[in-house]
Protein backbone atom coordinates (compact mmCIF):
# COMPACT_ATOMS: atom_id res chain seq x y z
CA MET A 1 3.35 -4.38 -14.23
CA LYS A 2 2.15 -2.74 -10.99
CA LYS A 3 3.37 1.14 -11.42
CA LEU A 4 4.02 1.93 -7.49
CA ILE A 5 5.95 -1.64 -7.69
CA LEU A 6 7.96 -0.77 -10.62
CA LEU A 7 8.78 2.93 -8.85
CA MET A 8 9.89 0.75 -5.76
CA GLY A 9 11.83 -1.91 -7.50
CA LEU A 10 13.62 0.55 -9.89
CA LEU A 11 14.51 2.37 -6.63
CA ALA A 12 15.29 -1.01 -4.44
CA GLY A 13 18.03 -1.89 -7.04
CA TYR A 14 19.45 1.60 -7.59
CA TRP A 15 20.17 1.60 -4.27
CA MET A 16 21.79 -2.08 -4.40
CA ALA A 17 23.94 -0.77 -7.29
CA TRP A 18 25.40 1.83 -5.68
CA ALA A 19 25.65 0.00 -2.26
CA GLU A 20 29.40 0.89 -2.71
CA GLN A 21 28.94 4.31 -3.37
CA PRO A 22 27.83 7.78 -1.40
CA LEU A 23 24.40 7.76 -2.19
CA THR A 24 23.17 11.72 -1.54
CA LYS A 25 19.48 12.82 -1.30
CA ALA A 26 19.84 14.34 -5.01
CA ASP A 27 21.27 11.28 -6.39
CA VAL A 28 17.93 9.27 -4.96
CA ARG A 29 15.46 12.60 -6.46
CA GLN A 30 17.21 12.53 -9.55
CA THR A 31 16.09 8.80 -10.06
CA MET A 32 12.90 9.25 -8.66
CA ARG A 33 11.93 12.30 -11.18
CA ARG A 34 13.64 10.12 -14.15
CA VAL A 35 11.37 7.18 -13.06
CA ALA A 36 8.05 9.44 -12.50
CA ASP A 37 8.70 11.00 -16.05
CA TRP A 38 8.87 8.10 -17.77
CA GLN A 39 5.77 6.50 -16.27
CA ILE A 40 3.99 9.64 -17.11
CA ALA A 41 4.90 9.48 -20.72
CA HIS A 42 4.00 6.00 -21.48
CA ILE A 43 0.86 5.86 -19.06
CA ALA A 44 -1.44 5.99 -21.92
CA ALA A 45 -0.05 2.80 -23.35
CA SER A 46 -1.48 1.11 -19.90
CA PRO A 47 -4.03 -1.29 -20.79
CA HIS A 48 -6.10 -0.81 -17.71
CA GLY A 49 -8.17 1.92 -17.16
CA GLU A 50 -7.32 5.24 -15.29
CA LEU A 51 -8.82 4.28 -11.89
CA ASN A 52 -8.07 1.29 -11.85
CA TRP A 53 -5.94 -0.59 -9.08
CA VAL A 54 -3.03 -0.75 -11.17
CA ASN A 55 -2.59 2.96 -12.10
CA ALA A 56 -3.85 3.69 -8.60
CA THR A 57 -1.21 2.62 -7.09
CA PHE A 58 1.06 4.59 -9.57
CA TYR A 59 -0.67 7.96 -8.65
CA LEU A 60 0.00 6.97 -4.96
CA GLY A 61 3.60 7.12 -5.33
CA LEU A 62 3.69 10.18 -7.69
CA SER A 63 1.54 11.73 -5.20
CA ARG A 64 4.84 11.36 -2.90
CA TRP A 65 7.10 12.80 -5.40
CA ALA A 66 4.99 15.43 -6.15
CA GLU A 67 5.41 16.44 -2.62
CA ILE A 68 9.00 16.23 -2.71
CA ALA A 69 9.36 17.88 -6.10
CA GLU A 70 7.35 21.04 -4.49
CA GLU A 71 8.95 21.35 -1.23
CA VAL A 72 12.76 20.97 -2.82
CA ASN A 73 12.36 22.67 -5.92
CA GLY A 74 9.00 24.56 -5.89
CA ASP A 75 7.82 22.19 -8.63
CA ASP A 76 3.90 21.99 -8.67
CA THR A 77 4.27 19.76 -11.87
CA TYR A 78 3.06 16.45 -11.06
CA TYR A 79 0.35 18.17 -8.58
CA LYS A 80 -0.91 19.51 -11.25
CA TRP A 81 -0.80 16.59 -13.64
CA LEU A 82 -2.39 14.36 -10.62
CA CYS A 83 -5.54 17.05 -10.13
CA ARG A 84 -5.99 17.30 -14.21
CA LEU A 85 -6.50 13.44 -14.16
CA GLY A 86 -9.14 13.55 -10.99
CA ARG A 87 -10.87 16.65 -12.73
CA ARG A 88 -11.08 14.29 -16.21
CA ASN A 89 -12.69 11.33 -13.76
CA TYR A 90 -14.68 13.44 -12.16
CA TRP A 91 -12.60 12.61 -8.94
CA GLN A 92 -14.66 8.87 -9.22
CA VAL A 93 -13.41 6.04 -7.87
CA ASP A 94 -14.06 2.94 -9.93
CA GLN A 95 -16.82 0.85 -10.42
CA ARG A 96 -17.61 -2.36 -7.96
CA MET A 97 -19.16 -0.71 -5.12
CA TYR A 98 -17.27 -3.27 -2.59
CA HIS A 99 -14.35 -3.91 -4.41
CA ALA A 100 -11.33 -3.36 -2.43
CA ASP A 101 -8.94 -2.48 -5.22
CA ASP A 102 -11.71 0.02 -6.90
CA VAL A 103 -11.42 2.33 -3.86
CA CYS A 104 -7.26 2.35 -4.04
CA ILE A 105 -7.51 5.71 -6.14
CA ALA A 106 -9.20 7.66 -3.47
CA GLN A 107 -5.93 7.47 -1.34
CA THR A 108 -4.34 10.20 -4.07
CA TYR A 109 -7.67 11.74 -4.15
CA LEU A 110 -8.50 12.47 -0.46
CA ASP A 111 -4.51 13.31 -0.56
CA LEU A 112 -4.99 15.66 -2.86
CA TYR A 113 -7.89 17.13 -0.95
CA ARG A 114 -6.10 17.60 2.57
CA LYS A 115 -3.45 19.77 0.20
CA TYR A 116 -6.37 22.00 -1.74
CA ARG A 117 -9.64 21.81 0.18
CA ASP A 118 -11.38 21.26 -3.00
CA GLU A 119 -14.86 19.66 -2.40
CA ALA A 120 -15.36 18.13 -5.63
CA MET A 121 -12.03 15.80 -4.57
CA TRP A 122 -13.74 13.76 -2.36
CA ILE A 123 -17.73 13.98 -2.40
CA PRO A 124 -17.58 10.56 -4.90
CA THR A 125 -15.12 8.86 -2.22
CA LEU A 126 -17.65 9.95 0.71
CA ALA A 127 -20.69 8.86 -1.37
CA ARG A 128 -19.10 5.06 -1.89
CA THR A 129 -17.32 4.44 1.12
CA GLU A 130 -20.43 5.63 2.96
CA TRP A 131 -22.37 3.57 1.37
CA VAL A 132 -20.40 0.29 1.76
CA MET A 133 -20.56 1.76 5.76
CA ALA A 134 -24.61 1.39 5.81
CA HIS A 135 -24.54 -1.64 3.28
CA PRO A 136 -22.20 -3.83 4.60
CA SER A 137 -21.10 -6.96 3.20
CA SER A 138 -21.16 -10.44 4.95
CA GLY A 139 -19.40 -12.07 1.92
CA SER A 140 -17.03 -15.45 2.61
CA PHE A 141 -13.85 -15.65 2.89
CA ALA A 142 -13.54 -18.13 1.24
CA LEU A 143 -12.44 -16.66 -2.03
CA ASP A 144 -13.33 -17.46 -5.11
CA TYR A 145 -12.75 -15.52 -8.10
CA ALA A 146 -15.54 -17.10 -9.80
CA ASP A 147 -17.75 -15.78 -7.24
CA ALA A 148 -17.87 -12.40 -7.24
CA SER A 149 -18.91 -12.10 -3.55
CA THR A 150 -16.23 -13.58 -2.11
CA LEU A 151 -14.28 -10.19 -3.41
CA GLU A 152 -16.79 -8.03 -1.18
CA ARG A 153 -14.61 -8.29 1.88
CA TRP A 154 -11.09 -7.55 2.39
CA THR A 155 -10.45 -11.21 1.26
CA TRP A 156 -6.94 -10.99 0.15
CA CYS A 157 -3.89 -9.65 1.38
CA ASP A 158 -3.13 -7.08 -1.17
CA ALA A 159 -6.73 -5.51 -0.16
CA LEU A 160 -5.15 -3.93 3.16
CA PHE A 161 -3.16 -1.67 0.98
CA MET A 162 -5.75 -0.97 -1.51
CA ALA A 163 -8.52 0.20 0.93
CA PRO A 164 -8.08 0.22 4.70
CA PRO A 165 -6.00 3.46 4.17
CA VAL A 166 -8.62 5.04 2.57
CA TYR A 167 -11.14 4.63 5.80
CA ALA A 168 -7.75 6.00 7.68
CA ARG A 169 -7.44 9.05 5.78
CA LEU A 170 -11.15 10.13 6.03
CA TYR A 171 -11.29 9.43 9.51
CA ALA A 172 -8.29 11.85 9.84
CA LEU A 173 -9.44 14.30 7.87
CA THR A 174 -13.18 14.53 9.35
CA GLY A 175 -12.30 13.24 12.74
CA ASP A 176 -15.70 10.92 12.17
CA LYS A 177 -15.00 7.69 14.34
CA GLN A 178 -17.81 5.71 11.90
CA TYR A 179 -14.71 5.41 9.06
CA ILE A 180 -12.24 4.09 11.90
CA ARG A 181 -14.75 1.74 13.45
CA PHE A 182 -15.16 0.41 9.81
CA MET A 183 -11.69 -0.07 8.74
CA ASP A 184 -10.45 -1.45 12.21
CA LYS A 185 -13.73 -3.98 11.74
CA GLU A 186 -13.02 -5.44 8.58
CA TYR A 187 -9.13 -5.30 9.19
CA LYS A 188 -9.05 -7.43 11.94
CA GLU A 189 -11.77 -10.37 9.99
CA THR A 190 -9.03 -10.30 7.54
CA TYR A 191 -6.00 -10.57 10.14
CA LYS A 192 -7.90 -13.26 11.83
CA HIS A 193 -8.65 -15.70 8.46
CA LEU A 194 -5.42 -14.78 6.67
CA PHE A 195 -2.20 -14.10 9.41
CA ASP A 196 -0.69 -16.99 10.47
CA LYS A 197 0.23 -16.17 14.40
CA ASP A 198 2.93 -18.89 14.08
CA ALA A 199 4.84 -17.56 11.35
CA HIS A 200 4.20 -13.66 11.61
CA LEU A 201 3.38 -13.51 7.99
CA PHE A 202 0.23 -13.09 6.15
CA TYR A 203 -1.41 -15.70 3.81
CA ARG A 204 -2.08 -14.47 0.21
CA ASP A 205 -5.70 -15.86 0.66
CA HIS A 206 -7.36 -18.61 1.95
CA ARG A 207 -6.42 -20.76 -0.92
CA TYR A 208 -2.76 -20.92 0.52
CA ILE A 209 -3.71 -22.28 3.84
CA GLY A 210 -2.45 -25.62 4.58
CA GLN A 211 -0.33 -25.27 1.02
CA LYS A 212 3.56 -26.19 1.26
CA GLU A 213 6.21 -25.24 -0.68
CA ALA A 214 8.95 -27.91 -2.09
CA ASN A 215 10.86 -27.41 1.09
CA GLY A 216 7.84 -28.10 3.50
CA GLU A 217 7.25 -24.79 5.00
CA LYS A 218 3.98 -22.95 4.50
CA VAL A 219 3.28 -20.79 1.37
CA PHE A 220 3.96 -16.35 2.04
CA TRP A 221 4.10 -14.34 -0.94
CA SER A 222 6.83 -11.52 -0.92
CA ARG A 223 4.87 -9.35 -2.49
CA GLY A 224 2.09 -9.97 -0.76
CA ASN A 225 3.36 -9.21 2.72
CA GLY A 226 4.96 -6.12 0.86
CA TRP A 227 1.56 -5.10 0.04
CA VAL A 228 0.11 -5.48 3.87
CA VAL A 229 3.19 -3.59 5.08
CA GLY A 230 2.72 -0.68 2.80
CA GLY A 231 -0.64 -0.46 3.80
CA LEU A 232 0.09 -0.19 7.40
CA VAL A 233 2.60 2.42 6.78
CA GLU A 234 -0.02 4.59 4.56
CA ILE A 235 -2.87 4.01 8.11
CA LEU A 236 -0.30 4.89 9.98
CA ARG A 237 0.93 7.87 7.83
CA VAL A 238 -2.11 9.42 9.22
CA LEU A 239 -3.70 7.93 12.51
CA PRO A 240 -2.87 10.37 15.27
CA SER A 241 -0.24 9.63 17.16
CA ASP A 242 -2.00 10.03 20.50
CA ASP A 243 -4.54 8.08 19.68
CA LYS A 244 -4.68 4.82 22.48
CA LYS A 245 -7.74 2.54 20.92
CA TYR A 246 -7.31 2.02 17.22
CA ARG A 247 -3.32 2.84 16.51
CA PRO A 248 -1.30 0.27 19.03
CA PHE A 249 -2.82 -2.79 16.90
CA TYR A 250 -1.23 -1.64 13.78
CA GLU A 251 1.52 -0.54 15.44
CA ALA A 252 1.95 -3.74 16.82
CA LEU A 253 1.51 -5.37 13.83
CA PHE A 254 3.80 -3.56 11.85
CA VAL A 255 6.60 -4.50 14.38
CA GLU A 256 5.86 -8.04 14.26
CA LEU A 257 5.96 -8.16 10.22
CA CYS A 258 8.69 -6.34 9.51
CA THR A 259 10.92 -8.11 12.17
CA ARG A 260 9.76 -11.13 10.86
CA VAL A 261 10.71 -9.44 7.47
CA LEU A 262 13.96 -8.98 7.94
CA GLU A 263 14.98 -12.48 9.12
CA LEU A 264 14.03 -13.36 5.93
CA GLN A 265 15.94 -10.87 3.79
CA GLN A 266 18.85 -12.87 1.86
CA ALA A 267 22.62 -12.05 2.00
CA ASP A 268 21.81 -10.08 -1.23
CA GLY A 269 19.51 -7.60 0.66
CA PHE A 270 16.64 -8.57 -1.72
CA TRP A 271 13.72 -11.28 -0.69
CA ARG A 272 12.25 -14.10 -2.75
CA ALA A 273 9.03 -14.77 -4.22
CA SER A 274 8.62 -17.08 -1.56
CA LEU A 275 9.63 -15.84 1.78
CA LEU A 276 10.11 -19.54 3.89
CA ASP A 277 11.49 -21.10 0.49
CA PRO A 278 14.06 -18.86 -1.46
CA ASP A 279 15.54 -21.90 -2.75
CA SER A 280 12.40 -22.58 -4.64
CA TYR A 281 12.56 -18.97 -6.74
CA PRO A 282 16.40 -18.33 -6.53
CA SER A 283 15.55 -14.74 -8.31
CA PRO A 284 15.87 -11.52 -6.64
CA GLU A 285 12.13 -10.55 -6.19
CA THR A 286 12.27 -6.59 -6.59
CA SER A 287 8.75 -5.94 -5.93
CA GLY A 288 8.87 -7.35 -2.31
CA THR A 289 11.88 -5.92 -1.53
CA GLY A 290 10.74 -2.60 -2.96
CA PHE A 291 8.15 -2.71 -0.70
CA PHE A 292 9.91 -3.69 2.42
CA ARG A 293 12.88 -1.26 1.56
CA VAL A 294 10.73 1.92 0.68
CA SER A 295 8.23 1.18 3.81
CA GLY A 296 11.21 1.24 5.94
CA LYS A 297 12.21 4.60 4.46
CA PHE A 298 9.03 6.06 5.95
CA MET A 299 9.00 4.66 9.45
CA TRP A 300 11.23 2.28 11.42
CA ILE A 301 11.58 0.05 14.65
CA ARG A 302 13.30 1.34 17.98
CA GLY A 303 12.44 -1.47 20.25
CA VAL A 304 8.48 -1.91 19.89
CA LYS A 305 7.94 1.93 18.90
CA VAL A 306 7.30 2.69 15.71
CA VAL A 307 8.31 6.65 15.16
CA PRO A 308 7.04 8.32 12.36
CA LEU A 309 9.91 10.14 10.13
CA SER A 310 8.69 13.43 10.31
CA HIS A 311 9.28 13.57 13.99
CA GLU A 312 12.69 12.95 13.45
């Protein structure tokens, strides 16, 4: 189970269950703590390696909770846990040089670096990203899991959560435009190949283009678009608010996606696995719903302007 999605899905379910009752910030924090503690207690049972993207998405969610726990209660337990994790792995990212999933963990490392300014925390990330930028792949966007070269670019929509925020963070931390230029170029290639301008949604990958659901609609995956929305939040959190060259594209895409997604929410407050054919998959889809709901807690739409939560 994708652990960041589990965290968000549980919270989404919690909000729905208590929709008829007053919900306080303390209630939400208590639930977040319980989920975080459960995940930490059971992470050794994960079949995935510590650097794998499945666990890396949990670490990113945990780093958000660590910030809240320290700010509200002076509790640095979760930051200490993440630092032990990083030191145990010598702050390495995963093995595949180009694969977006394998740098996802760097988002957490860079957030820790921003807090502690320990050079060891980001040296392996710098080495990986600089190598990739110096040796850019020309791999095909025709994703084929039997051909590893088709996974060298961001050829599936989930990748827009995994890798671009790493480069955005490096740009924010260093001011070096090579990071944002690379991110922007690669992101827009994925956008060009996978974004349907009529439906205002992302295909999961090129294999779904032209396919139809039972009701004749195009195939758009709820959680896949959730990954994109979540990735946009991470990018917009760190890009300078006064950036006029790069930020406007990501703000506009965030608004476009969220406007469309809001139209597709079902009466019970959830989304379905197939965004345009909810009847084919009638069960509430908590992972996509978690992404859409939690992403909206960080940023929201006012007309066509995206307002960072911290500016309120």
